[in-house]
Amino acid sequence: MLSSTQSSVARAAARVAVGKAPFVGGVRGFAGSAVRMVGKEDALHTDGRAEDVDFHKKDQLDKSKRGEQHWKDELASNSESIVKAERGDIKASKDTIEQLQRETENLMKKKDH
């Protein structure tokens, strides 16, 4: 098995052999990504959250394949939902908006205590 440096040199030599300019740079042998939390910050560690997220992700993917994409608030963070609402990008009735305002007011009261 070649080391990362040896494989870089081998690839560069192969490019030169076929008449292409060599590319010298870092090579990643293994790529990984950080674990990302999905959804509302206040609901991240609740029971059944993983299944709920998987359900909404699958639903979003299925609808995307059918050309029926739409915003999934269930997958958004609190700040993403707030920005979307402030921009007026959500379709909500007056009752829904009033309910959200009441919920926000209740959360603020709980936070003060």
PDB file of N, CA and C in Angstrom:
ATOM      1  N   MET A   1       0.847  -1.166   0.000  1.00  0.00           N
ATOM      2  CA  MET A   1       0.000   0.000   0.000  1.00  0.00           C
ATOM      3  C   MET A   1       0.894   1.231   0.000  1.00  0.00           C
ATOM      4  N   LEU A   2       0.561   2.191  -0.833  1.00  0.00           N
ATOM      5  CA  LEU A   2       1.346   3.415  -0.938  1.00  0.00           C
ATOM      6  C   LEU A   2       0.933   4.408   0.126  1.00  0.00           C
ATOM      7  N   SER A   3       1.916   5.166   0.590  1.00  0.00           N
ATOM      8  CA  SER A   3       1.574   6.230   1.527  1.00  0.00           C
ATOM      9  C   SER A   3       0.936   7.365   0.748  1.00  0.00           C
ATOM     10  N   SER A   4       0.387   8.317   1.447  1.00  0.00           N
ATOM     11  CA  SER A   4      -0.262   9.459   0.809  1.00  0.00           C
ATOM     12  C   SER A   4       0.712  10.208  -0.092  1.00  0.00           C
ATOM     13  N   THR A   5       1.933  10.423   0.383  1.00  0.00           N
ATOM     14  CA  THR A   5       2.938  11.139  -0.406  1.00  0.00           C
ATOM     15  C   THR A   5       3.323  10.328  -1.635  1.00  0.00           C
ATOM     16  N   GLN A   6       3.513   9.032  -1.463  1.00  0.00           N
ATOM     17  CA  GLN A   6       3.884   8.186  -2.592  1.00  0.00           C
ATOM     18  C   GLN A   6       2.787   8.163  -3.645  1.00  0.00           C
ATOM     19  N   SER A   7       1.536   8.093  -3.222  1.00  0.00           N
ATOM     20  CA  SER A   7       0.450   8.067  -4.195  1.00  0.00           C
ATOM     21  C   SER A   7       0.315   9.408  -4.899  1.00  0.00           C
ATOM     22  N   SER A   8       0.590  10.523  -4.208  1.00  0.00           N
ATOM     23  CA  SER A   8       0.563  11.838  -4.853  1.00  0.00           C
ATOM     24  C   SER A   8       1.633  11.925  -5.921  1.00  0.00           C
ATOM     25  N   VAL A   9       2.829  11.456  -5.586  1.00  0.00           N
ATOM     26  CA  VAL A   9       3.939  11.472  -6.545  1.00  0.00           C
ATOM     27  C   VAL A   9       3.615  10.574  -7.733  1.00  0.00           C
ATOM     28  N   ALA A  10       3.032   9.417  -7.473  1.00  0.00           N
ATOM     29  CA  ALA A  10       2.689   8.490  -8.552  1.00  0.00           C
ATOM     30  C   ALA A  10       1.655   9.102  -9.488  1.00  0.00           C
ATOM     31  N   ARG A  11       0.644   9.768  -8.946  1.00  0.00           N
ATOM     32  CA  ARG A  11      -0.372  10.412  -9.786  1.00  0.00           C
ATOM     33  C   ARG A  11       0.232  11.547 -10.595  1.00  0.00           C
ATOM     34  N   ALA A  12       1.091  12.356  -9.956  1.00  0.00           N
ATOM     35  CA  ALA A  12       1.737  13.459 -10.670  1.00  0.00           C
ATOM     36  C   ALA A  12       2.601  12.918 -11.802  1.00  0.00           C
ATOM     37  N   ALA A  13       3.321  11.843 -11.551  1.00  0.00           N
ATOM     38  CA  ALA A  13       4.164  11.242 -12.585  1.00  0.00           C
ATOM     39  C   ALA A  13       3.312  10.707 -13.731  1.00  0.00           C
ATOM     40  N   ALA A  14       2.174  10.136 -13.413  1.00  0.00           N
ATOM     41  CA  ALA A  14       1.287   9.617 -14.454  1.00  0.00           C
ATOM     42  C   ALA A  14       0.754  10.749 -15.317  1.00  0.00           C
ATOM     43  N   ARG A  15       0.437  11.878 -14.721  1.00  0.00           N
ATOM     44  CA  ARG A  15      -0.054  13.026 -15.490  1.00  0.00           C
ATOM     45  C   ARG A  15       1.024  13.556 -16.427  1.00  0.00           C
ATOM     46  N   VAL A  16       2.245  13.639 -15.921  1.00  0.00           N
ATOM     47  CA  VAL A  16       3.348  14.111 -16.751  1.00  0.00           C
ATOM     48  C   VAL A  16       3.566  13.141 -17.906  1.00  0.00           C
ATOM     49  N   ALA A  17       3.425  11.858 -17.623  1.00  0.00           N
ATOM     50  CA  ALA A  17       3.652  10.843 -18.650  1.00  0.00           C
ATOM     51  C   ALA A  17       2.658  10.969 -19.794  1.00  0.00           C
ATOM     52  N   VAL A  18       1.444  11.422 -19.513  1.00  0.00           N
ATOM     53  CA  VAL A  18       0.451  11.569 -20.573  1.00  0.00           C
ATOM     54  C   VAL A  18       0.386  12.994 -21.098  1.00  0.00           C
ATOM     55  N   GLY A  19       1.325  13.843 -20.680  1.00  0.00           N
ATOM     56  CA  GLY A  19       1.416  15.186 -21.236  1.00  0.00           C
ATOM     57  C   GLY A  19       0.627  16.247 -20.506  1.00  0.00           C
ATOM     58  N   LYS A  20       0.106  15.948 -19.363  1.00  0.00           N
ATOM     59  CA  LYS A  20      -0.643  16.941 -18.596  1.00  0.00           C
ATOM     60  C   LYS A  20       0.259  17.554 -17.540  1.00  0.00           C
ATOM     61  N   ALA A  21      -0.039  18.765 -17.169  1.00  0.00           N
ATOM     62  CA  ALA A  21       0.731  19.423 -16.114  1.00  0.00           C
ATOM     63  C   ALA A  21       0.454  18.725 -14.793  1.00  0.00           C
ATOM     64  N   PRO A  22       1.480  18.531 -13.998  1.00  0.00           N
ATOM     65  CA  PRO A  22       1.265  17.851 -12.720  1.00  0.00           C
ATOM     66  C   PRO A  22       0.515  18.736 -11.733  1.00  0.00           C
ATOM     67  N   PHE A  23      -0.256  18.104 -10.918  1.00  0.00           N
ATOM     68  CA  PHE A  23      -0.971  18.802  -9.848  1.00  0.00           C
ATOM     69  C   PHE A  23      -0.336  18.386  -8.538  1.00  0.00           C
ATOM     70  N   VAL A  24       0.160  19.350  -7.833  1.00  0.00           N
ATOM     71  CA  VAL A  24       0.771  19.053  -6.550  1.00  0.00           C
ATOM     72  C   VAL A  24      -0.128  19.621  -5.467  1.00  0.00           C
ATOM     73  N   GLY A  25      -0.597  18.782  -4.629  1.00  0.00           N
ATOM     74  CA  GLY A  25      -1.474  19.243  -3.563  1.00  0.00           C
ATOM     75  C   GLY A  25      -1.738  18.123  -2.583  1.00  0.00           C
ATOM     76  N   GLY A  26      -2.472  18.448  -1.579  1.00  0.00           N
ATOM     77  CA  GLY A  26      -2.790  17.457  -0.568  1.00  0.00           C
ATOM     78  C   GLY A  26      -3.811  16.463  -1.073  1.00  0.00           C
ATOM     79  N   VAL A  27      -3.709  15.275  -0.593  1.00  0.00           N
ATOM     80  CA  VAL A  27      -4.647  14.222  -0.962  1.00  0.00           C
ATOM     81  C   VAL A  27      -5.264  13.683   0.314  1.00  0.00           C
ATOM     82  N   ARG A  28      -6.574  13.630   0.328  1.00  0.00           N
ATOM     83  CA  ARG A  28      -7.257  13.076   1.487  1.00  0.00           C
ATOM     84  C   ARG A  28      -7.600  11.631   1.208  1.00  0.00           C
ATOM     85  N   GLY A  29      -7.072  10.772   2.018  1.00  0.00           N
ATOM     86  CA  GLY A  29      -7.363   9.364   1.855  1.00  0.00           C
ATOM     87  C   GLY A  29      -8.682   8.956   2.482  1.00  0.00           C
ATOM     88  N   PHE A  30      -9.129   9.724   3.439  1.00  0.00           N
ATOM     89  CA  PHE A  30     -10.355   9.396   4.145  1.00  0.00           C
ATOM     90  C   PHE A  30     -11.093  10.691   4.438  1.00  0.00           C
ATOM     91  N   ALA A  31     -12.348  10.719   4.104  1.00  0.00           N
ATOM     92  CA  ALA A  31     -13.137  11.921   4.354  1.00  0.00           C
ATOM     93  C   ALA A  31     -14.203  11.608   5.393  1.00  0.00           C
ATOM     94  N   GLY A  32     -14.391  12.521   6.273  1.00  0.00           N
ATOM     95  CA  GLY A  32     -15.420  12.365   7.288  1.00  0.00           C
ATOM     96  C   GLY A  32     -16.146  13.677   7.464  1.00  0.00           C
ATOM     97  N   SER A  33     -17.253  13.629   8.111  1.00  0.00           N
ATOM     98  CA  SER A  33     -17.978  14.867   8.370  1.00  0.00           C
ATOM     99  C   SER A  33     -18.456  14.869   9.818  1.00  0.00           C
ATOM    100  N   ALA A  34     -18.661  16.053  10.298  1.00  0.00           N
ATOM    101  CA  ALA A  34     -19.124  16.207  11.674  1.00  0.00           C
ATOM    102  C   ALA A  34     -20.583  15.789  11.781  1.00  0.00           C
ATOM    103  N   VAL A  35     -20.957  15.328  12.941  1.00  0.00           N
ATOM    104  CA  VAL A  35     -22.350  14.994  13.200  1.00  0.00           C
ATOM    105  C   VAL A  35     -23.113  16.297  13.341  1.00  0.00           C
ATOM    106  N   ARG A  36     -24.175  16.432  12.613  1.00  0.00           N
ATOM    107  CA  ARG A  36     -24.969  17.652  12.644  1.00  0.00           C
ATOM    108  C   ARG A  36     -26.296  17.368  13.341  1.00  0.00           C
ATOM    109  N   MET A  37     -26.667  18.262  14.217  1.00  0.00           N
ATOM    110  CA  MET A  37     -27.960  18.148  14.866  1.00  0.00           C
ATOM    111  C   MET A  37     -29.014  18.723  13.921  1.00  0.00           C
ATOM    112  N   VAL A  38     -30.172  18.128  13.902  1.00  0.00           N
ATOM    113  CA  VAL A  38     -31.234  18.566  13.016  1.00  0.00           C
ATOM    114  C   VAL A  38     -32.423  18.975  13.856  1.00  0.00           C
ATOM    115  N   GLY A  39     -32.995  20.105  13.519  1.00  0.00           N
ATOM    116  CA  GLY A  39     -34.234  20.507  14.144  1.00  0.00           C
ATOM    117  C   GLY A  39     -34.087  21.553  15.216  1.00  0.00           C
ATOM    118  N   LYS A  40     -35.156  21.749  15.900  1.00  0.00           N
ATOM    119  CA  LYS A  40     -35.229  22.772  16.940  1.00  0.00           C
ATOM    120  C   LYS A  40     -34.266  22.449  18.074  1.00  0.00           C
ATOM    121  N   GLU A  41     -33.553  23.461  18.514  1.00  0.00           N
ATOM    122  CA  GLU A  41     -32.570  23.269  19.570  1.00  0.00           C
ATOM    123  C   GLU A  41     -33.204  22.783  20.867  1.00  0.00           C
ATOM    124  N   ASP A  42     -34.429  23.194  21.119  1.00  0.00           N
ATOM    125  CA  ASP A  42     -35.089  22.800  22.361  1.00  0.00           C
ATOM    126  C   ASP A  42     -35.690  21.388  22.291  1.00  0.00           C
ATOM    127  N   ALA A  43     -35.590  20.724  21.136  1.00  0.00           N
ATOM    128  CA  ALA A  43     -36.145  19.377  21.004  1.00  0.00           C
ATOM    129  C   ALA A  43     -35.094  18.357  20.576  1.00  0.00           C
ATOM    130  N   LEU A  44     -33.830  18.715  20.661  1.00  0.00           N
ATOM    131  CA  LEU A  44     -32.781  17.835  20.151  1.00  0.00           C
ATOM    132  C   LEU A  44     -32.664  16.519  20.902  1.00  0.00           C
ATOM    133  N   HIS A  45     -32.806  16.537  22.193  1.00  0.00           N
ATOM    134  CA  HIS A  45     -32.560  15.335  22.984  1.00  0.00           C
ATOM    135  C   HIS A  45     -33.837  14.747  23.577  1.00  0.00           C
ATOM    136  N   THR A  46     -34.924  14.860  22.845  1.00  0.00           N
ATOM    137  CA  THR A  46     -36.182  14.290  23.313  1.00  0.00           C
ATOM    138  C   THR A  46     -36.327  12.863  22.790  1.00  0.00           C
ATOM    139  N   ASP A  47     -37.105  12.072  23.495  1.00  0.00           N
ATOM    140  CA  ASP A  47     -37.337  10.688  23.079  1.00  0.00           C
ATOM    141  C   ASP A  47     -38.047  10.662  21.731  1.00  0.00           C
ATOM    142  N   GLY A  48     -37.600   9.783  20.862  1.00  0.00           N
ATOM    143  CA  GLY A  48     -38.237   9.629  19.560  1.00  0.00           C
ATOM    144  C   GLY A  48     -37.827  10.662  18.538  1.00  0.00           C
ATOM    145  N   ARG A  49     -36.902  11.536  18.890  1.00  0.00           N
ATOM    146  CA  ARG A  49     -36.492  12.606  17.968  1.00  0.00           C
ATOM    147  C   ARG A  49     -35.846  12.033  16.705  1.00  0.00           C
ATOM    148  N   ALA A  50     -35.013  11.015  16.852  1.00  0.00           N
ATOM    149  CA  ALA A  50     -34.334  10.434  15.690  1.00  0.00           C
ATOM    150  C   ALA A  50     -35.346   9.866  14.694  1.00  0.00           C
ATOM    151  N   GLU A  51     -36.350   9.162  15.197  1.00  0.00           N
ATOM    152  CA  GLU A  51     -37.370   8.592  14.322  1.00  0.00           C
ATOM    153  C   GLU A  51     -38.182   9.693  13.653  1.00  0.00           C
ATOM    154  N   ASP A  52     -38.483  10.749  14.403  1.00  0.00           N
ATOM    155  CA  ASP A  52     -39.229  11.880  13.870  1.00  0.00           C
ATOM    156  C   ASP A  52     -38.452  12.557  12.740  1.00  0.00           C
ATOM    157  N   VAL A  53     -37.171  12.780  12.962  1.00  0.00           N
ATOM    158  CA  VAL A  53     -36.323  13.412  11.942  1.00  0.00           C
ATOM    159  C   VAL A  53     -36.231  12.523  10.708  1.00  0.00           C
ATOM    160  N   ASP A  54     -36.021  11.218  10.917  1.00  0.00           N
ATOM    161  CA  ASP A  54     -35.934  10.295   9.786  1.00  0.00           C
ATOM    162  C   ASP A  54     -37.224  10.304   8.970  1.00  0.00           C
ATOM    163  N   PHE A  55     -38.363  10.331   9.652  1.00  0.00           N
ATOM    164  CA  PHE A  55     -39.649  10.373   8.960  1.00  0.00           C
ATOM    165  C   PHE A  55     -39.751  11.620   8.091  1.00  0.00           C
ATOM    166  N   HIS A  56     -39.419  12.786   8.656  1.00  0.00           N
ATOM    167  CA  HIS A  56     -39.544  14.038   7.909  1.00  0.00           C
ATOM    168  C   HIS A  56     -38.520  14.137   6.777  1.00  0.00           C
ATOM    169  N   LYS A  57     -37.318  13.607   6.996  1.00  0.00           N
ATOM    170  CA  LYS A  57     -36.317  13.593   5.922  1.00  0.00           C
ATOM    171  C   LYS A  57     -36.790  12.720   4.761  1.00  0.00           C
ATOM    172  N   LYS A  58     -37.320  11.536   5.082  1.00  0.00           N
ATOM    173  CA  LYS A  58     -37.807  10.628   4.044  1.00  0.00           C
ATOM    174  C   LYS A  58     -38.977  11.261   3.299  1.00  0.00           C
ATOM    175  N   ASP A  59     -39.886  11.878   4.033  1.00  0.00           N
ATOM    176  CA  ASP A  59     -41.027  12.548   3.425  1.00  0.00           C
ATOM    177  C   ASP A  59     -40.557  13.659   2.489  1.00  0.00           C
ATOM    178  N   GLN A  60     -39.596  14.451   2.942  1.00  0.00           N
ATOM    179  CA  GLN A  60     -39.080  15.541   2.120  1.00  0.00           C
ATOM    180  C   GLN A  60     -38.403  15.002   0.858  1.00  0.00           C
ATOM    181  N   LEU A  61     -37.641  13.932   0.989  1.00  0.00           N
ATOM    182  CA  LEU A  61     -36.965  13.330  -0.154  1.00  0.00           C
ATOM    183  C   LEU A  61     -37.974  12.765  -1.149  1.00  0.00           C
ATOM    184  N   ASP A  62     -38.988  12.065  -0.655  1.00  0.00           N
ATOM    185  CA  ASP A  62     -40.025  11.509  -1.530  1.00  0.00           C
ATOM    186  C   ASP A  62     -40.745  12.612  -2.297  1.00  0.00           C
ATOM    187  N   LYS A  63     -41.109  13.681  -1.607  1.00  0.00           N
ATOM    188  CA  LYS A  63     -41.801  14.790  -2.265  1.00  0.00           C
ATOM    189  C   LYS A  63     -40.885  15.508  -3.245  1.00  0.00           C
ATOM    190  N   SER A  64     -39.613  15.589  -2.922  1.00  0.00           N
ATOM    191  CA  SER A  64     -38.643  16.212  -3.818  1.00  0.00           C
ATOM    192  C   SER A  64     -38.551  15.437  -5.131  1.00  0.00           C
ATOM    193  N   LYS A  65     -38.564  14.117  -5.040  1.00  0.00           N
ATOM    194  CA  LYS A  65     -38.496  13.276  -6.239  1.00  0.00           C
ATOM    195  C   LYS A  65     -39.728  13.452  -7.115  1.00  0.00           C
ATOM    196  N   ARG A  66     -40.864  13.784  -6.507  1.00  0.00           N
ATOM    197  CA  ARG A  66     -42.105  14.001  -7.256  1.00  0.00           C
ATOM    198  C   ARG A  66     -42.271  15.457  -7.669  1.00  0.00           C
ATOM    199  N   GLY A  67     -41.299  16.302  -7.328  1.00  0.00           N
ATOM    200  CA  GLY A  67     -41.386  17.719  -7.673  1.00  0.00           C
ATOM    201  C   GLY A  67     -42.299  18.508  -6.759  1.00  0.00           C
ATOM    202  N   GLU A  68     -42.525  18.012  -5.564  1.00  0.00           N
ATOM    203  CA  GLU A  68     -43.427  18.663  -4.612  1.00  0.00           C
ATOM    204  C   GLU A  68     -42.668  19.176  -3.395  1.00  0.00           C
ATOM    205  N   GLN A  69     -41.479  19.734  -3.622  1.00  0.00           N
ATOM    206  CA  GLN A  69     -40.668  20.211  -2.512  1.00  0.00           C
ATOM    207  C   GLN A  69     -41.359  21.336  -1.758  1.00  0.00           C
ATOM    208  N   HIS A  70     -41.136  21.376  -0.482  1.00  0.00           N
ATOM    209  CA  HIS A  70     -41.644  22.473   0.332  1.00  0.00           C
ATOM    210  C   HIS A  70     -40.824  22.563   1.614  1.00  0.00           C
ATOM    211  N   TRP A  71     -40.995  23.659   2.302  1.00  0.00           N
ATOM    212  CA  TRP A  71     -40.288  23.926   3.554  1.00  0.00           C
ATOM    213  C   TRP A  71     -40.765  22.962   4.621  1.00  0.00           C
ATOM    214  N   LYS A  72     -39.827  22.348   5.313  1.00  0.00           N
ATOM    215  CA  LYS A  72     -40.159  21.451   6.420  1.00  0.00           C
ATOM    216  C   LYS A  72     -39.670  22.103   7.705  1.00  0.00           C
ATOM    217  N   ASP A  73     -40.568  22.755   8.388  1.00  0.00           N
ATOM    218  CA  ASP A  73     -40.213  23.431   9.634  1.00  0.00           C
ATOM    219  C   ASP A  73     -39.719  22.436  10.681  1.00  0.00           C
ATOM    220  N   GLU A  74     -40.161  21.197  10.579  1.00  0.00           N
ATOM    221  CA  GLU A  74     -39.756  20.172  11.540  1.00  0.00           C
ATOM    222  C   GLU A  74     -38.254  19.878  11.470  1.00  0.00           C
ATOM    223  N   LEU A  75     -37.631  20.161  10.335  1.00  0.00           N
ATOM    224  CA  LEU A  75     -36.201  19.907  10.159  1.00  0.00           C
ATOM    225  C   LEU A  75     -35.357  21.159  10.361  1.00  0.00           C
ATOM    226  N   ALA A  76     -35.995  22.292  10.517  1.00  0.00           N
ATOM    227  CA  ALA A  76     -35.274  23.560  10.636  1.00  0.00           C
ATOM    228  C   ALA A  76     -34.922  23.857  12.091  1.00  0.00           C
ATOM    229  N   SER A  77     -33.864  24.626  12.264  1.00  0.00           N
ATOM    230  CA  SER A  77     -33.508  25.075  13.614  1.00  0.00           C
ATOM    231  C   SER A  77     -34.444  26.213  14.009  1.00  0.00           C
ATOM    232  N   ASN A  78     -34.403  26.580  15.273  1.00  0.00           N
ATOM    233  CA  ASN A  78     -35.224  27.705  15.728  1.00  0.00           C
ATOM    234  C   ASN A  78     -34.888  28.967  14.948  1.00  0.00           C
ATOM    235  N   SER A  79     -33.601  29.247  14.769  1.00  0.00           N
ATOM    236  CA  SER A  79     -33.205  30.477  14.082  1.00  0.00           C
ATOM    237  C   SER A  79     -33.619  30.454  12.615  1.00  0.00           C
ATOM    238  N   GLU A  80     -33.543  29.295  11.956  1.00  0.00           N
ATOM    239  CA  GLU A  80     -33.991  29.205  10.565  1.00  0.00           C
ATOM    240  C   GLU A  80     -35.488  29.480  10.461  1.00  0.00           C
ATOM    241  N   SER A  81     -36.254  28.959  11.394  1.00  0.00           N
ATOM    242  CA  SER A  81     -37.700  29.195  11.394  1.00  0.00           C
ATOM    243  C   SER A  81     -38.023  30.665  11.622  1.00  0.00           C
ATOM    244  N   ILE A  82     -37.284  31.293  12.520  1.00  0.00           N
ATOM    245  CA  ILE A  82     -37.516  32.710  12.813  1.00  0.00           C
ATOM    246  C   ILE A  82     -37.223  33.560  11.589  1.00  0.00           C
ATOM    247  N   VAL A  83     -36.098  33.304  10.932  1.00  0.00           N
ATOM    248  CA  VAL A  83     -35.741  34.073   9.734  1.00  0.00           C
ATOM    249  C   VAL A  83     -36.792  33.884   8.655  1.00  0.00           C
ATOM    250  N   LYS A  84     -37.218  32.659   8.450  1.00  0.00           N
ATOM    251  CA  LYS A  84     -38.238  32.369   7.439  1.00  0.00           C
ATOM    252  C   LYS A  84     -39.535  33.123   7.752  1.00  0.00           C
ATOM    253  N   ALA A  85     -39.918  33.133   9.005  1.00  0.00           N
ATOM    254  CA  ALA A  85     -41.140  33.835   9.400  1.00  0.00           C
ATOM    255  C   ALA A  85     -40.992  35.342   9.238  1.00  0.00           C
ATOM    256  N   GLU A  86     -39.829  35.882   9.613  1.00  0.00           N
ATOM    257  CA  GLU A  86     -39.616  37.327   9.495  1.00  0.00           C
ATOM    258  C   GLU A  86     -39.646  37.784   8.046  1.00  0.00           C
ATOM    259  N   ARG A  87     -39.195  36.940   7.159  1.00  0.00           N
ATOM    260  CA  ARG A  87     -39.202  37.282   5.733  1.00  0.00           C
ATOM    261  C   ARG A  87     -40.594  37.138   5.128  1.00  0.00           C
ATOM    262  N   GLY A  88     -41.481  36.527   5.854  1.00  0.00           N
ATOM    263  CA  GLY A  88     -42.828  36.311   5.343  1.00  0.00           C
ATOM    264  C   GLY A  88     -42.893  35.164   4.347  1.00  0.00           C
ATOM    265  N   ASP A  89     -41.929  34.249   4.436  1.00  0.00           N
ATOM    266  CA  ASP A  89     -41.850  33.137   3.497  1.00  0.00           C
ATOM    267  C   ASP A  89     -42.708  31.945   3.893  1.00  0.00           C
ATOM    268  N   ILE A  90     -43.448  32.052   4.968  1.00  0.00           N
ATOM    269  CA  ILE A  90     -44.273  30.920   5.377  1.00  0.00           C
ATOM    270  C   ILE A  90     -45.726  31.190   5.019  1.00  0.00           C
ATOM    271  N   LYS A  91     -46.425  30.124   4.726  1.00  0.00           N
ATOM    272  CA  LYS A  91     -47.851  30.239   4.435  1.00  0.00           C
ATOM    273  C   LYS A  91     -48.584  29.854   5.705  1.00  0.00           C
ATOM    274  N   ALA A  92     -49.122  30.844   6.369  1.00  0.00           N
ATOM    275  CA  ALA A  92     -49.801  30.570   7.634  1.00  0.00           C
ATOM    276  C   ALA A  92     -51.049  31.433   7.737  1.00  0.00           C
ATOM    277  N   SER A  93     -52.048  30.870   8.361  1.00  0.00           N
ATOM    278  CA  SER A  93     -53.276  31.624   8.581  1.00  0.00           C
ATOM    279  C   SER A  93     -53.080  32.580   9.756  1.00  0.00           C
ATOM    280  N   LYS A  94     -54.009  33.473   9.912  1.00  0.00           N
ATOM    281  CA  LYS A  94     -53.947  34.422  11.027  1.00  0.00           C
ATOM    282  C   LYS A  94     -53.974  33.674  12.360  1.00  0.00           C
ATOM    283  N   ASP A  95     -54.776  32.609  12.435  1.00  0.00           N
ATOM    284  CA  ASP A  95     -54.854  31.807  13.665  1.00  0.00           C
ATOM    285  C   ASP A  95     -53.510  31.164  13.996  1.00  0.00           C
ATOM    286  N   THR A  96     -52.837  30.656  12.979  1.00  0.00           N
ATOM    287  CA  THR A  96     -51.532  30.025  13.195  1.00  0.00           C
ATOM    288  C   THR A  96     -50.528  31.038  13.714  1.00  0.00           C
ATOM    289  N   ILE A  97     -50.515  32.211  13.121  1.00  0.00           N
ATOM    290  CA  ILE A  97     -49.584  33.258  13.547  1.00  0.00           C
ATOM    291  C   ILE A  97     -49.876  33.675  14.985  1.00  0.00           C
ATOM    292  N   GLU A  98     -51.160  33.823  15.324  1.00  0.00           N
ATOM    293  CA  GLU A  98     -51.520  34.183  16.697  1.00  0.00           C
ATOM    294  C   GLU A  98     -51.103  33.089  17.680  1.00  0.00           C
ATOM    295  N   GLN A  99     -51.267  31.837  17.281  1.00  0.00           N
ATOM    296  CA  GLN A  99     -50.854  30.723  18.140  1.00  0.00           C
ATOM    297  C   GLN A  99     -49.340  30.760  18.354  1.00  0.00           C
ATOM    298  N   LEU A 100     -48.581  31.000  17.303  1.00  0.00           N
ATOM    299  CA  LEU A 100     -47.124  31.090  17.426  1.00  0.00           C
ATOM    300  C   LEU A 100     -46.716  32.241  18.333  1.00  0.00           C
ATOM    301  N   GLN A 101     -47.425  33.354  18.230  1.00  0.00           N
ATOM    302  CA  GLN A 101     -47.127  34.496  19.095  1.00  0.00           C
ATOM    303  C   GLN A 101     -47.392  34.152  20.556  1.00  0.00           C
ATOM    304  N   ARG A 102     -48.491  33.437  20.820  1.00  0.00           N
ATOM    305  CA  ARG A 102     -48.795  33.020  22.193  1.00  0.00           C
ATOM    306  C   ARG A 102     -47.729  32.055  22.718  1.00  0.00           C
ATOM    307  N   GLU A 103     -47.318  31.119  21.878  1.00  0.00           N
ATOM    308  CA  GLU A 103     -46.284  30.165  22.290  1.00  0.00           C
ATOM    309  C   GLU A 103     -44.973  30.879  22.597  1.00  0.00           C
ATOM    310  N   THR A 104     -44.629  31.859  21.782  1.00  0.00           N
ATOM    311  CA  THR A 104     -43.407  32.633  22.018  1.00  0.00           C
ATOM    312  C   THR A 104     -43.504  33.390  23.326  1.00  0.00           C
ATOM    313  N   GLU A 105     -44.653  33.977  23.572  1.00  0.00           N
ATOM    314  CA  GLU A 105     -44.868  34.710  24.817  1.00  0.00           C
ATOM    315  C   GLU A 105     -44.729  33.775  26.021  1.00  0.00           C
ATOM    316  N   ASN A 106     -45.310  32.575  25.922  1.00  0.00           N
ATOM    317  CA  ASN A 106     -45.208  31.601  27.017  1.00  0.00           C
ATOM    318  C   ASN A 106     -43.765  31.159  27.238  1.00  0.00           C
ATOM    319  N   LEU A 107     -43.028  30.952  26.163  1.00  0.00           N
ATOM    320  CA  LEU A 107     -41.620  30.569  26.292  1.00  0.00           C
ATOM    321  C   LEU A 107     -40.811  31.661  26.978  1.00  0.00           C
ATOM    322  N   MET A 108     -41.092  32.896  26.648  1.00  0.00           N
ATOM    323  CA  MET A 108     -40.376  34.012  27.267  1.00  0.00           C
ATOM    324  C   MET A 108     -40.698  34.097  28.759  1.00  0.00           C
ATOM    325  N   LYS A 109     -41.945  33.832  29.125  1.00  0.00           N
ATOM    326  CA  LYS A 109     -42.321  33.845  30.539  1.00  0.00           C
ATOM    327  C   LYS A 109     -41.607  32.730  31.297  1.00  0.00           C
ATOM    328  N   LYS A 110     -41.533  31.540  30.688  1.00  0.00           N
ATOM    329  CA  LYS A 110     -40.834  30.420  31.321  1.00  0.00           C
ATOM    330  C   LYS A 110     -39.352  30.719  31.476  1.00  0.00           C
ATOM    331  N   LYS A 111     -38.793  31.375  30.497  1.00  0.00           N
ATOM    332  CA  LYS A 111     -37.368  31.692  30.521  1.00  0.00           C
ATOM    333  C   LYS A 111     -37.039  32.681  31.637  1.00  0.00           C
ATOM    334  N   ASP A 112     -37.956  33.595  31.916  1.00  0.00           N
ATOM    335  CA  ASP A 112     -37.750  34.593  32.970  1.00  0.00           C
ATOM    336  C   ASP A 112     -37.788  33.968  34.361  1.00  0.00           C
ATOM    337  N   HIS A 113     -38.462  32.840  34.507  1.00  0.00           N
ATOM    338  CA  HIS A 113     -38.597  32.214  35.836  1.00  0.00           C
ATOM    339  C   HIS A 113     -37.537  31.223  36.081  1.00  0.00           C
TER     340      HIS A 113
END
